[in-house]
Amino acid sequence: MKSLKKTGVLGFRSLSEAMEARLEGYFEMHGGVDMPTGLYDIIIKEIEKSLLNVTMRYTEGNKVKAARILGINRNTLHKKLLTLDLENEY
C-alpha cells in the first residue's frame, strides 16, 4: 500500500489535509442547518471503523498482524471489532 504523502491521492499531501477537505464539504453540505449533535463521537467512530476495516483487509484478516500495525493489543482489536460490528467480516 502506498501512503497518501507519496502518491498525492486526489491532490492531498496528507491524511489530515484530506480529512479537513472532507469535513469542510460536510459542513457546506449542511449549510449550517440541521447539523447533527455529537459530531465528535460520530467522526471518531467512523474514522476508527474505516481504519480497522482497511487494516484488516491489508492483513487479510490476521488480527495479530493488524494489532501490531495499529499499535494496540490483539484483545483490544477484537473488542473494537465487536463494538463496531465488524467481527464477522474477518
C-alpha atoms as a PDB file:
ATOM      1  CA  MET A   1       0.000   0.000   0.000  1.00  0.00           C
ATOM      2  CA  LYS A   2       1.231   3.465  -0.826  1.00  0.00           C
ATOM      3  CA  SER A   3       0.895   6.397   1.545  1.00  0.00           C
ATOM      4  CA  LEU A   4      -1.121   9.483   0.678  1.00  0.00           C
ATOM      5  CA  LYS A   5       2.033  11.602   1.013  1.00  0.00           C
ATOM      6  CA  LYS A   6       3.927   9.600  -1.593  1.00  0.00           C
ATOM      7  CA  THR A   7       1.162   9.328  -4.150  1.00  0.00           C
ATOM      8  CA  GLY A   8      -0.685  12.602  -3.701  1.00  0.00           C
ATOM      9  CA  VAL A   9      -4.003  10.747  -3.890  1.00  0.00           C
ATOM     10  CA  LEU A  10      -6.756  13.063  -5.063  1.00  0.00           C
ATOM     11  CA  GLY A  11      -4.366  16.004  -4.749  1.00  0.00           C
ATOM     12  CA  PHE A  12      -3.899  15.732  -0.981  1.00  0.00           C
ATOM     13  CA  ARG A  13      -0.432  15.626   0.538  1.00  0.00           C
ATOM     14  CA  SER A  14      -1.524  14.115   3.842  1.00  0.00           C
ATOM     15  CA  LEU A  15      -4.347  12.290   5.562  1.00  0.00           C
ATOM     16  CA  SER A  16      -5.120  15.325   7.725  1.00  0.00           C
ATOM     17  CA  GLU A  17      -5.380  17.523   4.626  1.00  0.00           C
ATOM     18  CA  ALA A  18      -7.801  15.056   3.029  1.00  0.00           C
ATOM     19  CA  MET A  19      -9.863  14.863   6.229  1.00  0.00           C
ATOM     20  CA  GLU A  20     -10.078  18.649   6.542  1.00  0.00           C
ATOM     21  CA  ALA A  21     -11.335  18.940   2.978  1.00  0.00           C
ATOM     22  CA  ARG A  22     -13.969  16.235   3.562  1.00  0.00           C
ATOM     23  CA  LEU A  23     -15.119  17.826   6.830  1.00  0.00           C
ATOM     24  CA  GLU A  24     -15.387  21.251   5.210  1.00  0.00           C
ATOM     25  CA  GLY A  25     -17.513  19.645   2.488  1.00  0.00           C
ATOM     26  CA  TYR A  26     -19.669  18.025   5.177  1.00  0.00           C
ATOM     27  CA  PHE A  27     -20.318  21.402   6.836  1.00  0.00           C
ATOM     28  CA  GLU A  28     -21.021  23.045   3.480  1.00  0.00           C
ATOM     29  CA  MET A  29     -23.452  20.251   2.618  1.00  0.00           C
ATOM     30  CA  HIS A  30     -25.475  21.030   5.732  1.00  0.00           C
ATOM     31  CA  GLY A  31     -25.213  24.786   5.202  1.00  0.00           C
ATOM     32  CA  GLY A  32     -25.392  25.377   8.949  1.00  0.00           C
ATOM     33  CA  VAL A  33     -28.897  23.936   9.075  1.00  0.00           C
ATOM     34  CA  ASP A  34     -29.872  20.806  10.990  1.00  0.00           C
ATOM     35  CA  MET A  35     -26.314  19.939  11.986  1.00  0.00           C
ATOM     36  CA  PRO A  36     -26.230  16.723  13.978  1.00  0.00           C
ATOM     37  CA  THR A  37     -25.171  16.913  17.588  1.00  0.00           C
ATOM     38  CA  GLY A  38     -22.349  14.793  18.911  1.00  0.00           C
ATOM     39  CA  LEU A  39     -20.319  15.208  15.737  1.00  0.00           C
ATOM     40  CA  TYR A  40     -17.037  14.422  17.510  1.00  0.00           C
ATOM     41  CA  ASP A  41     -18.217  10.954  18.540  1.00  0.00           C
ATOM     42  CA  ILE A  42     -19.736  10.325  15.109  1.00  0.00           C
ATOM     43  CA  ILE A  43     -16.500  11.237  13.298  1.00  0.00           C
ATOM     44  CA  ILE A  44     -14.227   9.296  15.669  1.00  0.00           C
ATOM     45  CA  LYS A  45     -16.381   6.167  15.312  1.00  0.00           C
ATOM     46  CA  GLU A  46     -16.407   6.434  11.505  1.00  0.00           C
ATOM     47  CA  ILE A  47     -12.652   7.004  11.306  1.00  0.00           C
ATOM     48  CA  GLU A  48     -11.964   4.102  13.666  1.00  0.00           C
ATOM     49  CA  LYS A  49     -14.238   1.820  11.672  1.00  0.00           C
ATOM     50  CA  SER A  50     -12.507   2.732   8.395  1.00  0.00           C
ATOM     51  CA  LEU A  51      -9.063   2.342   9.963  1.00  0.00           C
ATOM     52  CA  LEU A  52      -9.890  -1.118  11.271  1.00  0.00           C
ATOM     53  CA  ASN A  53     -11.553  -2.196   8.009  1.00  0.00           C
ATOM     54  CA  VAL A  54      -8.625  -1.164   5.833  1.00  0.00           C
ATOM     55  CA  THR A  55      -6.046  -2.618   8.211  1.00  0.00           C
ATOM     56  CA  MET A  56      -7.897  -5.922   8.471  1.00  0.00           C
ATOM     57  CA  ARG A  57      -8.164  -6.142   4.673  1.00  0.00           C
ATOM     58  CA  TYR A  58      -4.474  -5.262   4.316  1.00  0.00           C
ATOM     59  CA  THR A  59      -3.528  -8.057   6.744  1.00  0.00           C
ATOM     60  CA  GLU A  60      -6.028 -10.448   5.147  1.00  0.00           C
ATOM     61  CA  GLY A  61      -7.852 -10.837   8.471  1.00  0.00           C
ATOM     62  CA  ASN A  62      -4.723 -11.546  10.539  1.00  0.00           C
ATOM     63  CA  LYS A  63      -5.582  -9.921  13.882  1.00  0.00           C
ATOM     64  CA  VAL A  64      -2.112 -10.339  15.365  1.00  0.00           C
ATOM     65  CA  LYS A  65      -0.528  -8.549  12.408  1.00  0.00           C
ATOM     66  CA  ALA A  66      -3.282  -5.900  12.338  1.00  0.00           C
ATOM     67  CA  ALA A  67      -2.914  -5.210  16.059  1.00  0.00           C
ATOM     68  CA  ARG A  68       0.849  -4.840  15.636  1.00  0.00           C
ATOM     69  CA  ILE A  69       0.396  -2.375  12.755  1.00  0.00           C
ATOM     70  CA  LEU A  70      -2.182  -0.402  14.757  1.00  0.00           C
ATOM     71  CA  GLY A  71      -0.038  -0.454  17.888  1.00  0.00           C
ATOM     72  CA  ILE A  72      -2.759  -1.982  20.042  1.00  0.00           C
ATOM     73  CA  ASN A  73      -3.231  -5.268  21.865  1.00  0.00           C
ATOM     74  CA  ARG A  74      -4.901  -8.082  19.899  1.00  0.00           C
ATOM     75  CA  ASN A  75      -7.610  -8.338  22.561  1.00  0.00           C
ATOM     76  CA  THR A  76      -8.280  -4.606  22.221  1.00  0.00           C
ATOM     77  CA  LEU A  77      -8.588  -5.034  18.460  1.00  0.00           C
ATOM     78  CA  HIS A  78     -11.006  -7.917  18.967  1.00  0.00           C
ATOM     79  CA  LYS A  79     -13.171  -5.799  21.307  1.00  0.00           C
ATOM     80  CA  LYS A  80     -13.165  -2.878  18.891  1.00  0.00           C
ATOM     81  CA  LEU A  81     -14.203  -5.151  16.011  1.00  0.00           C
ATOM     82  CA  LEU A  82     -17.081  -6.433  18.162  1.00  0.00           C
ATOM     83  CA  THR A  83     -18.107  -2.942  19.244  1.00  0.00           C
ATOM     84  CA  LEU A  84     -18.122  -1.672  15.662  1.00  0.00           C
ATOM     85  CA  ASP A  85     -19.969  -4.776  14.441  1.00  0.00           C
ATOM     86  CA  LEU A  86     -17.053  -5.842  12.241  1.00  0.00           C
ATOM     87  CA  GLU A  87     -16.088  -9.121  13.909  1.00  0.00           C
ATOM     88  CA  ASN A  88     -17.961 -11.381  11.496  1.00  0.00           C
ATOM     89  CA  GLU A  89     -16.304  -9.786   8.464  1.00  0.00           C
ATOM     90  CA  TYR A  90     -12.827 -11.140   9.303  1.00  0.00           C
END
